[in-house]
Amino acid sequence: MSGGSSAFVYEAAPFSKIIVCLDLTVPDMTDLSFIDLPGIVSNIAPREDRHSIDLIRNLVQEHIKGNCLILLAFTVGDDIENQRAAFLTKQADPQGCRTIGVLTKLNTLQYGEFAPWIEVLENRRHPLRHGYYMKKHPSPSELAEQWPHDAVQRREQKYFEDSRNPWCKNPGSSRDPNLT
């Protein structure tokens, strides 16, 4: 390099085939592994490698086939039919026998947008043998103020118990608080 720095710039790939896996082994119990997979990518920013889309899709497909439970978490900010993770899960588990659904960001829906998601929660649309759970994410102010985890959990529980919101009557709203 002429007249300048000879510093080497390294650009890391945004995704790789390396997974995060937690294996639990206890005497006299079935072994259990948790594998954290990246969210499905359908679009990329300019100058990003389109290879990431295929890499993540293939990684997810490889790990959700066979004898495993699938935790399908997706936001209610878009129709379930538009969510690639739901599509891939349906391909791997057509009867919904190995899938547990988690609907996130329910607190971001506006009145008039609830009906299709209530049908999902009641297992009338996109049924799963193990059903669906609901998750309210902390608000931006709760995140900015760094609320303690137990306070956020209490606020979430209060939200789901509030009779003014449509979620209070659904099975996914009465759940073990230790699951969140």
C-alpha atoms as a PDB file:
ATOM      1  CA  MET A   1       0.000   0.000   0.000  1.00  0.00           C
ATOM      2  CA  SER A   2       1.396   3.325  -0.948  1.00  0.00           C
ATOM      3  CA  GLY A   3       1.816   6.117   1.560  1.00  0.00           C
ATOM      4  CA  GLY A   4      -0.757   4.798   3.976  1.00  0.00           C
ATOM      5  CA  SER A   5      -1.478   2.286   6.619  1.00  0.00           C
ATOM      6  CA  SER A   6      -0.783  -1.357   6.046  1.00  0.00           C
ATOM      7  CA  ALA A   7      -3.513  -2.395   8.466  1.00  0.00           C
ATOM      8  CA  PHE A   8      -5.383  -5.552   7.577  1.00  0.00           C
ATOM      9  CA  VAL A   9      -9.162  -5.242   7.601  1.00  0.00           C
ATOM     10  CA  TYR A  10     -11.004  -8.454   8.418  1.00  0.00           C
ATOM     11  CA  GLU A  11     -14.672  -8.784   7.554  1.00  0.00           C
ATOM     12  CA  ALA A  12     -16.456 -11.591   9.329  1.00  0.00           C
ATOM     13  CA  ALA A  13     -19.260 -13.453   7.634  1.00  0.00           C
ATOM     14  CA  PRO A  14     -22.625 -12.450   9.111  1.00  0.00           C
ATOM     15  CA  PHE A  15     -23.599 -16.116   9.585  1.00  0.00           C
ATOM     16  CA  SER A  16     -21.854 -19.459   9.699  1.00  0.00           C
ATOM     17  CA  LYS A  17     -22.762 -23.123  10.087  1.00  0.00           C
ATOM     18  CA  ILE A  18     -21.552 -23.024  13.677  1.00  0.00           C
ATOM     19  CA  ILE A  19     -24.448 -23.517  16.087  1.00  0.00           C
ATOM     20  CA  VAL A  20     -24.889 -22.854  19.782  1.00  0.00           C
ATOM     21  CA  CYS A  21     -25.792 -26.117  21.487  1.00  0.00           C
ATOM     22  CA  LEU A  22     -26.397 -26.830  25.164  1.00  0.00           C
ATOM     23  CA  ASP A  23     -26.359 -30.532  26.050  1.00  0.00           C
ATOM     24  CA  LEU A  24     -27.921 -31.636  29.342  1.00  0.00           C
ATOM     25  CA  THR A  25     -27.087 -35.067  30.694  1.00  0.00           C
ATOM     26  CA  VAL A  26     -28.473 -36.326  33.997  1.00  0.00           C
ATOM     27  CA  PRO A  27     -28.157 -39.897  35.319  1.00  0.00           C
ATOM     28  CA  ASP A  28     -31.310 -41.992  34.770  1.00  0.00           C
ATOM     29  CA  MET A  29     -32.872 -39.331  32.498  1.00  0.00           C
ATOM     30  CA  THR A  30     -33.079 -38.858  28.754  1.00  0.00           C
ATOM     31  CA  ASP A  31     -30.356 -36.594  27.377  1.00  0.00           C
ATOM     32  CA  LEU A  32     -31.562 -33.213  26.171  1.00  0.00           C
ATOM     33  CA  SER A  33     -29.959 -30.777  23.737  1.00  0.00           C
ATOM     34  CA  PHE A  34     -30.978 -27.196  23.062  1.00  0.00           C
ATOM     35  CA  ILE A  35     -29.856 -25.768  19.738  1.00  0.00           C
ATOM     36  CA  ASP A  36     -30.196 -22.036  19.163  1.00  0.00           C
ATOM     37  CA  LEU A  37     -30.658 -21.328  15.470  1.00  0.00           C
ATOM     38  CA  PRO A  38     -30.667 -17.925  13.798  1.00  0.00           C
ATOM     39  CA  GLY A  39     -33.918 -16.399  12.640  1.00  0.00           C
ATOM     40  CA  ILE A  40     -34.915 -17.004   9.043  1.00  0.00           C
ATOM     41  CA  VAL A  41     -33.573 -14.310   6.712  1.00  0.00           C
ATOM     42  CA  SER A  42     -35.597 -13.465   3.612  1.00  0.00           C
ATOM     43  CA  ASN A  43     -33.909 -10.250   2.559  1.00  0.00           C
ATOM     44  CA  ILE A  44     -30.457  -8.748   2.870  1.00  0.00           C
ATOM     45  CA  ALA A  45     -28.962  -5.289   2.865  1.00  0.00           C
ATOM     46  CA  PRO A  46     -26.994  -4.000  -0.116  1.00  0.00           C
ATOM     47  CA  ARG A  47     -23.435  -5.375  -0.188  1.00  0.00           C
ATOM     48  CA  GLU A  48     -24.389  -8.372   1.981  1.00  0.00           C
ATOM     49  CA  ASP A  49     -23.906 -11.874   0.685  1.00  0.00           C
ATOM     50  CA  ARG A  50     -27.110 -13.527  -0.574  1.00  0.00           C
ATOM     51  CA  HIS A  51     -25.519 -16.799   0.520  1.00  0.00           C
ATOM     52  CA  SER A  52     -26.728 -16.034   4.068  1.00  0.00           C
ATOM     53  CA  ILE A  53     -30.356 -16.636   3.056  1.00  0.00           C
ATOM     54  CA  ASP A  54     -29.647 -20.159   1.803  1.00  0.00           C
ATOM     55  CA  LEU A  55     -27.159 -20.936   4.570  1.00  0.00           C
ATOM     56  CA  ILE A  56     -29.656 -20.139   7.340  1.00  0.00           C
ATOM     57  CA  ARG A  57     -32.558 -21.901   5.619  1.00  0.00           C
ATOM     58  CA  ASN A  58     -30.443 -25.053   5.121  1.00  0.00           C
ATOM     59  CA  LEU A  59     -29.138 -24.900   8.703  1.00  0.00           C
ATOM     60  CA  VAL A  60     -32.670 -24.656  10.095  1.00  0.00           C
ATOM     61  CA  GLN A  61     -34.010 -27.408   7.842  1.00  0.00           C
ATOM     62  CA  GLU A  62     -31.175 -29.734   8.875  1.00  0.00           C
ATOM     63  CA  HIS A  63     -31.782 -29.242  12.605  1.00  0.00           C
ATOM     64  CA  ILE A  64     -35.595 -29.420  12.690  1.00  0.00           C
ATOM     65  CA  LYS A  65     -35.920 -32.751  10.909  1.00  0.00           C
ATOM     66  CA  GLY A  66     -36.048 -36.075  12.705  1.00  0.00           C
ATOM     67  CA  ASN A  67     -36.671 -36.727  16.377  1.00  0.00           C
ATOM     68  CA  CYS A  68     -36.674 -33.282  17.956  1.00  0.00           C
ATOM     69  CA  LEU A  69     -39.071 -30.748  19.401  1.00  0.00           C
ATOM     70  CA  ILE A  70     -39.297 -27.505  17.483  1.00  0.00           C
ATOM     71  CA  LEU A  71     -39.809 -24.229  19.314  1.00  0.00           C
ATOM     72  CA  LEU A  72     -41.365 -21.991  16.672  1.00  0.00           C
ATOM     73  CA  ALA A  73     -41.158 -18.389  17.834  1.00  0.00           C
ATOM     74  CA  PHE A  74     -42.470 -15.642  15.619  1.00  0.00           C
ATOM     75  CA  THR A  75     -43.730 -12.109  15.837  1.00  0.00           C
ATOM     76  CA  VAL A  76     -47.373 -11.208  15.372  1.00  0.00           C
ATOM     77  CA  GLY A  77     -46.223  -8.150  13.434  1.00  0.00           C
ATOM     78  CA  ASP A  78     -46.786 -10.032  10.183  1.00  0.00           C
ATOM     79  CA  ASP A  79     -49.350 -12.618   9.078  1.00  0.00           C
ATOM     80  CA  ILE A  80     -48.396 -16.175   9.998  1.00  0.00           C
ATOM     81  CA  GLU A  81     -48.721 -17.142   6.322  1.00  0.00           C
ATOM     82  CA  ASN A  82     -45.902 -14.701   5.487  1.00  0.00           C
ATOM     83  CA  GLN A  83     -43.443 -16.118   8.016  1.00  0.00           C
ATOM     84  CA  ARG A  84     -40.829 -18.437   6.546  1.00  0.00           C
ATOM     85  CA  ALA A  85     -40.124 -20.164   9.884  1.00  0.00           C
ATOM     86  CA  ALA A  86     -43.759 -21.326  10.077  1.00  0.00           C
ATOM     87  CA  PHE A  87     -43.522 -22.639   6.506  1.00  0.00           C
ATOM     88  CA  LEU A  88     -40.278 -24.578   7.138  1.00  0.00           C
ATOM     89  CA  THR A  89     -41.676 -25.991  10.367  1.00  0.00           C
ATOM     90  CA  LYS A  90     -44.823 -27.172   8.577  1.00  0.00           C
ATOM     91  CA  GLN A  91     -42.630 -28.948   6.016  1.00  0.00           C
ATOM     92  CA  ALA A  92     -40.618 -30.714   8.745  1.00  0.00           C
ATOM     93  CA  ASP A  93     -43.604 -31.436  11.016  1.00  0.00           C
ATOM     94  CA  PRO A  94     -46.758 -31.495   8.837  1.00  0.00           C
ATOM     95  CA  GLN A  95     -49.044 -32.694  11.663  1.00  0.00           C
ATOM     96  CA  GLY A  96     -47.659 -30.232  14.236  1.00  0.00           C
ATOM     97  CA  CYS A  97     -46.807 -33.075  16.629  1.00  0.00           C
ATOM     98  CA  ARG A  98     -43.270 -31.911  17.447  1.00  0.00           C
ATOM     99  CA  THR A  99     -43.809 -28.155  17.421  1.00  0.00           C
ATOM    100  CA  ILE A 100     -44.503 -25.709  20.251  1.00  0.00           C
ATOM    101  CA  GLY A 101     -45.534 -22.247  19.096  1.00  0.00           C
ATOM    102  CA  VAL A 102     -44.563 -18.960  20.753  1.00  0.00           C
ATOM    103  CA  LEU A 103     -46.236 -15.759  19.615  1.00  0.00           C
ATOM    104  CA  THR A 104     -44.154 -12.700  20.425  1.00  0.00           C
ATOM    105  CA  LYS A 105     -44.845  -8.978  20.620  1.00  0.00           C
ATOM    106  CA  LEU A 106     -48.585  -9.388  21.192  1.00  0.00           C
ATOM    107  CA  ASN A 107     -48.586  -6.004  22.905  1.00  0.00           C
ATOM    108  CA  THR A 108     -47.760  -4.332  19.579  1.00  0.00           C
ATOM    109  CA  LEU A 109     -51.059  -5.301  17.905  1.00  0.00           C
ATOM    110  CA  GLN A 110     -53.752  -2.680  17.476  1.00  0.00           C
ATOM    111  CA  TYR A 111     -57.457  -3.233  18.090  1.00  0.00           C
ATOM    112  CA  GLY A 112     -58.933  -4.892  15.026  1.00  0.00           C
ATOM    113  CA  GLU A 113     -55.822  -7.028  14.447  1.00  0.00           C
ATOM    114  CA  PHE A 114     -56.510  -9.591  17.187  1.00  0.00           C
ATOM    115  CA  ALA A 115     -58.967 -12.024  15.538  1.00  0.00           C
ATOM    116  CA  PRO A 116     -56.555 -14.067  13.378  1.00  0.00           C
ATOM    117  CA  TRP A 117     -54.107 -14.454  16.257  1.00  0.00           C
ATOM    118  CA  ILE A 118     -56.829 -15.533  18.671  1.00  0.00           C
ATOM    119  CA  GLU A 119     -57.718 -18.254  16.146  1.00  0.00           C
ATOM    120  CA  VAL A 120     -54.053 -19.351  16.176  1.00  0.00           C
ATOM    121  CA  LEU A 121     -53.914 -19.345  19.997  1.00  0.00           C
ATOM    122  CA  GLU A 122     -57.103 -21.385  20.166  1.00  0.00           C
ATOM    123  CA  ASN A 123     -55.524 -23.879  17.742  1.00  0.00           C
ATOM    124  CA  ARG A 124     -58.204 -23.294  15.091  1.00  0.00           C
ATOM    125  CA  ARG A 125     -55.661 -21.903  12.577  1.00  0.00           C
ATOM    126  CA  HIS A 126     -52.279 -23.585  12.119  1.00  0.00           C
ATOM    127  CA  PRO A 127     -52.928 -26.133  14.897  1.00  0.00           C
ATOM    128  CA  LEU A 128     -50.074 -27.617  16.885  1.00  0.00           C
ATOM    129  CA  ARG A 129     -50.366 -30.600  19.207  1.00  0.00           C
ATOM    130  CA  HIS A 130     -48.584 -28.685  21.989  1.00  0.00           C
ATOM    131  CA  GLY A 131     -50.357 -25.409  21.214  1.00  0.00           C
ATOM    132  CA  TYR A 132     -49.045 -21.879  21.486  1.00  0.00           C
ATOM    133  CA  TYR A 133     -47.655 -19.675  24.225  1.00  0.00           C
ATOM    134  CA  MET A 134     -47.652 -15.911  24.296  1.00  0.00           C
ATOM    135  CA  LYS A 135     -44.860 -13.503  25.077  1.00  0.00           C
ATOM    136  CA  LYS A 136     -45.033  -9.772  25.743  1.00  0.00           C
ATOM    137  CA  HIS A 137     -41.699  -8.119  25.208  1.00  0.00           C
ATOM    138  CA  PRO A 138     -40.545  -5.285  27.417  1.00  0.00           C
ATOM    139  CA  SER A 139     -41.434  -1.841  26.134  1.00  0.00           C
ATOM    140  CA  PRO A 140     -38.658   0.447  24.863  1.00  0.00           C
ATOM    141  CA  SER A 141     -38.850   2.414  28.137  1.00  0.00           C
ATOM    142  CA  GLU A 142     -38.515  -0.778  30.212  1.00  0.00           C
ATOM    143  CA  LEU A 143     -35.466  -1.724  28.182  1.00  0.00           C
ATOM    144  CA  ALA A 144     -33.948   1.764  28.398  1.00  0.00           C
ATOM    145  CA  GLU A 145     -34.525   1.892  32.152  1.00  0.00           C
ATOM    146  CA  GLN A 146     -33.103  -1.641  32.512  1.00  0.00           C
ATOM    147  CA  TRP A 147     -35.966  -2.970  34.602  1.00  0.00           C
ATOM    148  CA  PRO A 148     -35.091  -6.064  36.673  1.00  0.00           C
ATOM    149  CA  HIS A 149     -36.189  -9.357  35.115  1.00  0.00           C
ATOM    150  CA  ASP A 150     -38.686 -10.154  37.900  1.00  0.00           C
ATOM    151  CA  ALA A 151     -40.365  -6.740  37.503  1.00  0.00           C
ATOM    152  CA  VAL A 152     -40.689  -7.274  33.746  1.00  0.00           C
ATOM    153  CA  GLN A 153     -42.181 -10.748  34.402  1.00  0.00           C
ATOM    154  CA  ARG A 154     -44.740  -9.310  36.851  1.00  0.00           C
ATOM    155  CA  ARG A 155     -45.719  -6.640  34.337  1.00  0.00           C
ATOM    156  CA  GLU A 156     -46.068  -9.274  31.613  1.00  0.00           C
ATOM    157  CA  GLN A 157     -48.265 -11.449  33.848  1.00  0.00           C
ATOM    158  CA  LYS A 158     -50.425  -8.439  34.722  1.00  0.00           C
ATOM    159  CA  TYR A 159     -50.773  -7.655  31.015  1.00  0.00           C
ATOM    160  CA  PHE A 160     -52.061 -11.164  30.235  1.00  0.00           C
ATOM    161  CA  GLU A 161     -54.440 -11.151  33.223  1.00  0.00           C
ATOM    162  CA  ASP A 162     -55.975  -7.792  32.262  1.00  0.00           C
ATOM    163  CA  SER A 163     -59.584  -8.516  31.245  1.00  0.00           C
ATOM    164  CA  ARG A 164     -59.510  -5.566  28.812  1.00  0.00           C
ATOM    165  CA  ASN A 165     -57.173  -7.344  26.430  1.00  0.00           C
ATOM    166  CA  PRO A 166     -58.248 -10.328  24.307  1.00  0.00           C
ATOM    167  CA  TRP A 167     -55.412 -12.567  25.470  1.00  0.00           C
ATOM    168  CA  CYS A 168     -56.667 -13.042  29.033  1.00  0.00           C
ATOM    169  CA  LYS A 169     -59.172 -15.736  27.983  1.00  0.00           C
ATOM    170  CA  ASN A 170     -56.747 -17.841  25.940  1.00  0.00           C
ATOM    171  CA  PRO A 171     -54.933 -20.969  27.106  1.00  0.00           C
ATOM    172  CA  GLY A 172     -51.483 -19.588  26.237  1.00  0.00           C
ATOM    173  CA  SER A 173     -51.968 -16.738  28.706  1.00  0.00           C
ATOM    174  CA  SER A 174     -52.162 -18.970  31.760  1.00  0.00           C
ATOM    175  CA  ARG A 175     -48.698 -20.419  31.899  1.00  0.00           C
ATOM    176  CA  ASP A 176     -45.922 -21.112  34.302  1.00  0.00           C
ATOM    177  CA  PRO A 177     -44.087 -17.786  34.858  1.00  0.00           C
ATOM    178  CA  ASN A 178     -40.853 -19.737  35.034  1.00  0.00           C
ATOM    179  CA  LEU A 179     -41.152 -20.420  31.301  1.00  0.00           C
ATOM    180  CA  THR A 180     -40.513 -16.786  30.427  1.00  0.00           C
END
